[in-house]
Amino acid sequence: MRFTLSSLTVALLSTGSALAADLAAPAPAPVAVVERCKATLSLPAYGGVIKPNPNPSCFTLGGFGDIYVGGAITGYAYTQTNPFPFSAAPLPSDRAARVDFTNIQGWIQKADGPFQFYVQAGAYAIPALGFLNYSALDQTDLLFSPLPVAFGKYVFNDNWSIQGGRMPTLIGTEAPFTFQNLNISRGLLFNQENIINHGVQVNYSDGPWSASVAGTDGFFSGNISWLTGAVTYKLDDNNTFGFFVIRG
């Protein structure tokens, strides 16, 4: 009986020591929670009261990270009493009326990490007052092809990055596609600016300041002969001051 009680006492003391050791040991460090799909998206750009989707579709692809996808399907209809009486062959003539798509486009982008990219593809029309308005298929073929924007970007650090491919111009003040604009009637500058070009661009940013220099093909000519630069200062969320240089 003594032997049994002594054994039981030793067992209880041993168990108590183990419990005390467990209670005294520090708690394991919590597993870090990686936030997904939290990147700030700058493309596509929008003007006026039109705003990007605040909750864009996103999925995580192994080896690549967070991938964002989006798209735009828009259309228009018009009638006019005085269509253009001529057209440059073999293009179709102007119409007295038309119902058509202005965008059937989709885009995919990676907006964080060292390597980033943006690809926008589809059909589009850019109707404008005072001009012949061709169909979306004709305009897609005549303008920037079914792949109007596609570029890769490498981010060295918080300040420096380099990108290359088909990119929005540095000097354009109006976005090209209808889903990016409030009105069909554009300003006079839209008819003179280059809006998409091929090339290579180096970017620098620090707080409200940003600067970029690009060697491009100007008006989508395929000949890299333009040098453009931009320095901007962000006054607030709605206003930016900029200085631009063009040599073509």
Protein backbone atom coordinates (compact mmCIF):
# COMPACT_ATOMS: atom_id res chain seq x y z
CA MET A 1 0.00 0.00 0.00
CA ARG A 2 2.82 2.38 0.77
CA PHE A 3 4.54 1.39 -2.44
CA THR A 4 1.37 2.14 -4.41
CA LEU A 5 0.84 5.52 -2.74
CA SER A 6 4.49 6.47 -3.25
CA SER A 7 4.30 5.57 -6.93
CA LEU A 8 1.10 7.56 -7.32
CA THR A 9 2.69 10.56 -5.57
CA VAL A 10 5.75 10.45 -7.82
CA ALA A 11 3.53 10.23 -10.90
CA LEU A 12 1.44 13.20 -9.79
CA LEU A 13 4.55 15.26 -9.04
CA SER A 14 6.00 14.37 -12.44
CA THR A 15 2.77 15.39 -14.19
CA GLY A 16 2.63 18.63 -12.23
CA SER A 17 6.21 19.48 -13.23
CA ALA A 18 5.38 18.92 -16.90
CA LEU A 19 2.29 21.14 -16.68
CA ALA A 20 4.27 23.88 -14.96
CA ALA A 21 6.94 23.70 -17.67
CA ASP A 22 4.27 23.99 -20.38
CA LEU A 23 2.67 27.01 -18.68
CA ALA A 24 6.05 28.73 -18.26
CA ALA A 25 7.10 28.19 -21.91
CA PRO A 26 6.48 31.17 -24.24
CA ALA A 27 3.55 30.90 -26.65
CA PRO A 28 4.55 30.09 -30.25
CA ALA A 29 4.80 33.11 -32.56
CA PRO A 30 1.63 33.68 -34.59
CA VAL A 31 1.79 32.70 -38.24
CA ALA A 32 2.18 35.81 -40.41
CA VAL A 33 -0.95 36.58 -42.41
CA VAL A 34 -0.12 37.59 -45.98
CA GLU A 35 -2.57 40.13 -47.35
CA ARG A 36 -3.69 39.25 -50.83
CA CYS A 37 -5.09 41.43 -53.60
CA LYS A 38 -4.26 44.74 -51.89
CA ALA A 39 -2.24 46.43 -54.67
CA THR A 40 -3.06 49.94 -55.85
CA LEU A 41 -4.06 49.84 -59.53
CA SER A 42 -3.19 52.77 -61.80
CA LEU A 43 -4.45 51.23 -65.05
CA PRO A 44 -6.69 51.69 -66.88
CA ALA A 45 -6.71 55.44 -66.17
CA TYR A 46 -10.04 57.25 -65.89
CA GLY A 47 -11.04 60.88 -66.22
CA GLY A 48 -13.64 63.09 -64.59
CA VAL A 49 -16.29 61.44 -62.45
CA ILE A 50 -15.65 57.98 -63.92
CA LYS A 51 -13.88 55.87 -61.31
CA PRO A 52 -12.22 52.44 -61.45
CA ASN A 53 -13.82 49.41 -59.85
CA PRO A 54 -13.06 49.71 -56.10
CA ASN A 55 -13.10 45.92 -55.74
CA PRO A 56 -11.53 44.47 -58.91
CA SER A 57 -11.53 40.75 -59.57
CA CYS A 58 -8.32 39.14 -58.37
CA PHE A 59 -6.88 35.66 -58.01
CA THR A 60 -3.57 34.35 -56.74
CA LEU A 61 -1.52 32.35 -59.21
CA GLY A 62 1.28 30.24 -57.81
CA GLY A 63 4.67 31.58 -58.83
CA PHE A 64 3.21 34.88 -60.03
CA GLY A 65 1.28 36.25 -57.05
CA ASP A 66 -1.85 38.36 -57.31
CA ILE A 67 -3.35 38.74 -60.80
CA TYR A 68 -6.10 41.31 -61.46
CA VAL A 69 -8.59 41.02 -64.30
CA GLY A 70 -11.20 43.42 -65.65
CA GLY A 71 -13.02 44.46 -68.78
CA ALA A 72 -15.39 46.87 -70.46
CA ILE A 73 -18.38 46.29 -72.74
CA THR A 74 -19.89 49.52 -74.04
CA GLY A 75 -21.86 50.61 -77.08
CA TYR A 76 -23.42 53.58 -78.82
CA ALA A 77 -26.01 54.52 -81.39
CA TYR A 78 -26.39 57.66 -83.48
CA THR A 79 -28.17 59.16 -86.43
CA GLN A 80 -27.04 62.12 -88.49
CA THR A 81 -28.47 64.17 -91.33
CA ASN A 82 -25.20 65.09 -93.00
CA PRO A 83 -22.79 62.13 -93.28
CA PHE A 84 -19.43 62.60 -94.93
CA PRO A 85 -19.94 62.31 -98.70
CA PHE A 86 -16.53 60.75 -99.33
CA SER A 87 -14.27 58.01 -98.01
CA ALA A 88 -10.73 56.95 -98.77
CA ALA A 89 -10.88 53.61 -100.58
CA PRO A 90 -11.00 50.81 -99.62
CA LEU A 91 -12.56 52.08 -96.39
CA PRO A 92 -16.35 52.07 -96.07
CA SER A 93 -18.29 55.31 -96.42
CA ASP A 94 -19.75 57.23 -93.55
CA ARG A 95 -23.23 56.15 -92.46
CA ALA A 96 -26.36 58.12 -91.73
CA ALA A 97 -26.89 55.92 -88.66
CA ARG A 98 -25.00 53.27 -86.71
CA VAL A 99 -25.43 50.96 -83.72
CA ASP A 100 -22.17 49.42 -82.62
CA PHE A 101 -19.87 48.47 -79.76
CA THR A 102 -17.31 50.99 -78.59
CA ASN A 103 -15.54 48.48 -76.37
CA ILE A 104 -15.37 44.74 -76.05
CA GLN A 105 -12.10 44.71 -74.14
CA GLY A 106 -10.52 42.84 -71.29
CA TRP A 107 -7.33 43.35 -69.30
CA ILE A 108 -5.09 41.43 -66.98
CA GLN A 109 -2.36 42.85 -64.79
CA LYS A 110 0.12 42.19 -62.02
CA ALA A 111 0.57 45.39 -60.01
CA ASP A 112 2.97 44.48 -57.20
CA GLY A 113 6.32 42.78 -56.70
CA PRO A 114 9.53 43.34 -58.70
CA PHE A 115 8.07 42.13 -62.01
CA GLN A 116 4.75 43.63 -63.12
CA PHE A 117 2.77 43.68 -66.35
CA TYR A 118 -0.39 45.01 -67.96
CA VAL A 119 -2.16 43.60 -71.05
CA GLN A 120 -5.33 45.03 -72.62
CA ALA A 121 -6.94 43.38 -75.64
CA GLY A 122 -10.16 43.38 -77.65
CA ALA A 123 -12.15 45.43 -80.14
CA TYR A 124 -12.97 49.13 -79.80
CA ALA A 125 -14.21 52.25 -81.57
CA ILE A 126 -13.29 55.84 -80.77
CA PRO A 127 -16.14 57.91 -82.24
CA ALA A 128 -15.68 61.67 -82.44
CA LEU A 129 -17.79 64.58 -83.59
CA GLY A 130 -16.87 65.92 -87.02
CA PHE A 131 -15.10 62.74 -88.17
CA LEU A 132 -16.03 59.64 -90.11
CA ASN A 133 -17.11 56.96 -87.65
CA TYR A 134 -16.08 53.52 -88.78
CA SER A 135 -17.17 50.28 -87.13
CA ALA A 136 -15.39 48.85 -84.11
CA LEU A 137 -13.80 46.14 -86.26
CA ASP A 138 -12.53 48.66 -88.81
CA GLN A 139 -11.18 51.03 -86.17
CA THR A 140 -9.46 48.23 -84.26
CA ASP A 141 -7.68 47.26 -87.47
CA LEU A 142 -6.83 50.87 -88.46
CA LEU A 143 -5.66 52.10 -85.06
CA PHE A 144 -3.76 50.01 -82.47
CA SER A 145 -4.72 46.41 -83.38
CA PRO A 146 -6.61 44.03 -81.05
CA LEU A 147 -3.72 44.38 -78.58
CA PRO A 148 -3.54 48.14 -78.00
CA VAL A 149 -1.68 48.07 -74.68
CA ALA A 150 0.81 45.45 -73.49
CA PHE A 151 3.95 46.12 -71.47
CA GLY A 152 6.16 44.67 -68.78
CA LYS A 153 7.65 46.58 -65.88
CA TYR A 154 10.53 45.89 -63.50
CA VAL A 155 10.55 47.70 -60.16
CA PHE A 156 14.06 48.08 -58.69
CA ASN A 157 12.95 49.72 -55.44
CA ASP A 158 10.41 52.20 -54.08
CA ASN A 159 11.79 54.95 -56.33
CA TRP A 160 12.98 53.46 -59.63
CA SER A 161 11.39 51.28 -62.30
CA ILE A 162 11.70 50.57 -66.04
CA GLN A 163 9.03 49.39 -68.46
CA GLY A 164 8.74 48.55 -72.14
CA GLY A 165 6.17 47.61 -74.77
CA ARG A 166 2.97 49.29 -75.95
CA MET A 167 2.23 51.94 -73.36
CA PRO A 168 0.02 55.00 -72.80
CA THR A 169 1.89 58.12 -73.80
CA LEU A 170 3.61 60.33 -71.24
CA ILE A 171 2.28 63.53 -72.80
CA GLY A 172 -1.38 62.65 -73.37
CA THR A 173 -3.91 64.45 -71.24
CA GLU A 174 -6.96 62.55 -72.51
CA ALA A 175 -7.47 58.80 -72.29
CA PRO A 176 -8.16 57.05 -75.61
CA PHE A 177 -11.10 54.70 -75.03
CA THR A 178 -14.73 55.62 -74.44
CA PHE A 179 -15.08 53.71 -71.17
CA GLN A 180 -12.40 56.02 -69.73
CA ASN A 181 -14.19 59.26 -70.67
CA LEU A 182 -17.38 60.98 -69.59
CA ASN A 183 -18.22 62.61 -72.96
CA ILE A 184 -17.92 61.58 -76.59
CA SER A 185 -16.90 65.14 -77.49
CA ARG A 186 -13.16 65.43 -76.84
CA GLY A 187 -11.02 68.55 -76.60
CA LEU A 188 -8.96 69.91 -79.49
CA LEU A 189 -5.82 68.45 -77.92
CA PHE A 190 -7.14 64.91 -78.38
CA ASN A 191 -6.90 65.30 -82.16
CA GLN A 192 -3.22 66.26 -81.93
CA GLU A 193 -1.74 64.13 -79.16
CA ASN A 194 -0.28 60.66 -79.40
CA ILE A 195 -2.11 58.38 -77.02
CA ILE A 196 -0.41 54.97 -77.33
CA ASN A 197 3.14 54.26 -78.45
CA HIS A 198 5.87 51.61 -78.46
CA GLY A 199 9.06 52.12 -76.52
CA VAL A 200 11.00 51.99 -73.27
CA GLN A 201 10.36 54.20 -70.26
CA VAL A 202 12.29 54.88 -67.03
CA ASN A 203 10.33 56.10 -63.99
CA TYR A 204 11.29 57.80 -60.73
CA SER A 205 9.00 58.77 -57.84
CA ASP A 206 9.47 60.21 -54.38
CA GLY A 207 6.45 61.36 -52.38
CA PRO A 208 4.32 63.77 -54.45
CA TRP A 209 7.07 64.06 -57.11
CA SER A 210 7.37 61.77 -60.12
CA ALA A 211 9.44 61.88 -63.30
CA SER A 212 9.62 59.71 -66.42
CA VAL A 213 11.70 59.64 -69.60
CA ALA A 214 10.72 57.53 -72.61
CA GLY A 215 12.13 56.67 -76.03
CA THR A 216 9.13 55.85 -78.25
CA ASP A 217 7.78 55.71 -81.79
CA GLY A 218 5.59 58.80 -81.34
CA PHE A 219 2.35 58.32 -83.26
CA PHE A 220 2.53 54.50 -83.26
CA SER A 221 4.85 54.59 -86.28
CA GLY A 222 7.08 51.65 -85.35
CA ASN A 223 10.17 53.88 -85.65
CA ILE A 224 11.73 54.71 -82.27
CA SER A 225 12.60 58.36 -82.90
CA TRP A 226 10.85 60.30 -80.13
CA LEU A 227 12.19 61.31 -76.74
CA THR A 228 9.62 62.47 -74.20
CA GLY A 229 9.87 63.46 -70.57
CA ALA A 230 7.46 64.38 -67.82
CA VAL A 231 7.88 65.80 -64.32
CA THR A 232 4.74 66.01 -62.17
CA TYR A 233 3.83 67.13 -58.69
CA LYS A 234 0.67 65.81 -57.04
CA LEU A 235 -1.06 68.68 -55.28
CA ASP A 236 -3.90 66.53 -53.91
CA ASP A 237 -6.10 63.61 -54.95
CA ASN A 238 -7.73 65.64 -57.74
CA ASN A 239 -5.01 68.01 -58.98
CA THR A 240 -1.55 67.54 -60.45
CA PHE A 241 0.94 70.04 -61.86
CA GLY A 242 3.14 68.82 -64.69
CA PHE A 243 5.95 69.84 -67.04
CA PHE A 244 6.45 67.94 -70.31
CA VAL A 245 9.24 67.83 -72.91
CA ILE A 246 8.94 66.39 -76.43
CA ARG A 247 11.60 65.83 -79.06
CA GLY A 248 10.48 63.94 -82.14
